[in-house]
Amino acid sequence: MDIRWNFAGHHVSRTGQLGLFTISSEAAIAAGVRRIEALTGLSALDRLRSELQSQTDKLDSANQQLVDLKKTIEKERAQALHVKPTNTYVIWTCVLAVSCSRSIM
C-alpha cells in the first residue's frame, strides 16, 4: 500500500519539533483521503488537562453516588435487622414432659 502524506498548515522539518501531539478531529473528505486536525505543544497540554479534569470530576461524582448508596443500604439493612416480625406465634410441643420442640409460625 502506498501512503502519501500531504500536510497543510504548519510545517516542521522533523516530528520531534511538534512536541506533545493530540488529535482533535478526523474525517473522510474524499475516497481514500482523510483530514486529521491536531493540537500540539501547550495547546495539546491544555486540552489534555481539561479532559483529565472532566474525567476526574465524573469519577468524583460517581464515587459520591456510591458512597451515598452504601450509606442508604446500610441504613435500610440496620432497620430491617431491628424490626421484629409481626404475627409470629411460638408454639411449644411437649410430649410427656420428656422432650420439647419449638415451632415459629
Protein backbone atom coordinates (compact mmCIF):
# COMPACT_ATOMS: atom_id res chain seq x y z
CA MET A 1 0.00 0.00 0.00
CA ASP A 2 1.40 3.35 -0.99
CA ILE A 3 0.60 6.05 1.57
CA ARG A 4 1.47 9.64 0.85
CA TRP A 5 1.07 12.33 3.43
CA ASN A 6 0.34 15.88 2.40
CA PHE A 7 0.26 18.44 5.16
CA ALA A 8 -1.31 21.85 5.13
CA GLY A 9 -0.80 24.49 7.75
CA HIS A 10 2.33 24.50 9.89
CA HIS A 11 5.34 22.63 8.61
CA VAL A 12 8.19 21.18 10.60
CA SER A 13 11.47 19.69 9.49
CA ARG A 14 11.15 16.78 11.94
CA THR A 15 8.32 15.38 14.05
CA GLY A 16 10.23 15.99 17.29
CA GLN A 17 9.55 19.68 16.82
CA LEU A 18 5.84 19.05 17.35
CA GLY A 19 6.28 18.04 20.98
CA LEU A 20 3.07 16.83 22.58
CA PHE A 21 0.55 15.88 19.90
CA THR A 22 -3.18 15.15 20.30
CA ILE A 23 -5.70 14.54 17.53
CA SER A 24 -8.72 16.81 17.84
CA SER A 25 -10.72 15.51 14.85
CA GLU A 26 -10.57 13.11 11.92
CA ALA A 27 -12.85 12.70 8.93
CA ALA A 28 -13.04 11.33 5.40
CA ILE A 29 -13.14 14.18 2.91
CA ALA A 30 -12.91 12.08 -0.27
CA ALA A 31 -12.32 8.49 -1.30
CA GLY A 32 -9.03 7.48 0.28
CA VAL A 33 -8.45 10.96 1.72
CA ARG A 34 -8.55 11.67 5.46
CA ARG A 35 -8.46 15.02 7.17
CA ILE A 36 -6.82 14.95 10.58
CA GLU A 37 -6.71 18.02 12.80
CA ALA A 38 -4.45 18.06 15.82
CA LEU A 39 -3.18 20.25 18.60
CA THR A 40 0.47 20.41 19.54
CA GLY A 41 2.60 21.82 22.31
CA LEU A 42 0.89 23.87 25.03
CA SER A 43 -2.47 23.77 23.23
CA ALA A 44 -2.40 19.97 23.35
CA LEU A 45 -1.35 20.05 27.02
CA ASP A 46 -4.21 22.41 27.90
CA ARG A 47 -6.71 20.16 26.11
CA LEU A 48 -5.42 17.04 27.87
CA ARG A 49 -5.57 18.80 31.24
CA SER A 50 -9.14 19.84 30.55
CA GLU A 51 -10.13 16.29 29.56
CA LEU A 52 -8.39 14.88 32.64
CA GLN A 53 -10.22 17.33 34.90
CA SER A 54 -13.54 16.43 33.28
CA GLN A 55 -12.93 12.70 33.80
CA THR A 56 -11.79 13.34 37.39
CA ASP A 57 -15.00 15.27 38.08
CA LYS A 58 -17.10 12.43 36.65
CA LEU A 59 -15.25 9.87 38.79
CA ASP A 60 -15.66 12.01 41.91
CA SER A 61 -19.39 12.29 41.22
CA ALA A 62 -19.76 8.54 40.63
CA ASN A 63 -17.76 7.82 43.79
CA GLN A 64 -20.00 10.12 45.84
CA GLN A 65 -23.09 8.37 44.45
CA LEU A 66 -21.62 5.02 45.50
CA VAL A 67 -20.86 6.33 49.00
CA ASP A 68 -24.42 7.66 49.31
CA LEU A 69 -25.87 4.38 48.04
CA LYS A 70 -23.76 2.40 50.52
CA LYS A 71 -25.00 4.58 53.39
CA THR A 72 -28.61 4.10 52.27
CA ILE A 73 -28.19 0.33 52.02
CA GLU A 74 -26.50 0.14 55.42
CA LYS A 75 -29.29 2.22 56.97
CA GLU A 76 -32.03 0.08 55.42
CA ARG A 77 -30.22 -3.10 56.48
CA ALA A 78 -29.90 -1.87 60.06
CA GLN A 79 -33.60 -1.00 60.13
CA ALA A 80 -34.52 -4.40 58.70
CA LEU A 81 -32.44 -6.20 61.33
CA HIS A 82 -34.11 -4.31 64.16
CA VAL A 83 -37.69 -4.87 63.01
CA LYS A 84 -39.39 -7.61 64.97
CA PRO A 85 -41.54 -9.94 62.93
CA THR A 86 -45.26 -9.49 63.33
CA ASN A 87 -47.92 -12.19 63.53
CA THR A 88 -45.41 -14.73 64.80
CA TYR A 89 -46.62 -17.36 67.18
CA VAL A 90 -44.33 -19.59 69.17
CA ILE A 91 -45.78 -22.99 69.75
CA TRP A 92 -44.20 -25.38 72.19
CA THR A 93 -44.95 -29.02 71.76
CA CYS A 94 -44.13 -31.21 74.72
CA VAL A 95 -44.56 -34.91 74.78
CA LEU A 96 -44.85 -36.36 78.28
CA ALA A 97 -42.51 -33.64 79.56
CA VAL A 98 -39.57 -35.61 78.16
CA SER A 99 -38.72 -33.62 75.04
CA CYS A 100 -39.94 -30.28 73.76
CA SER A 101 -39.67 -28.64 70.38
CA ARG A 102 -40.35 -25.06 69.34
CA SER A 103 -42.08 -24.02 66.12
CA ILE A 104 -42.45 -20.50 64.79
CA MET A 105 -45.44 -19.77 62.63
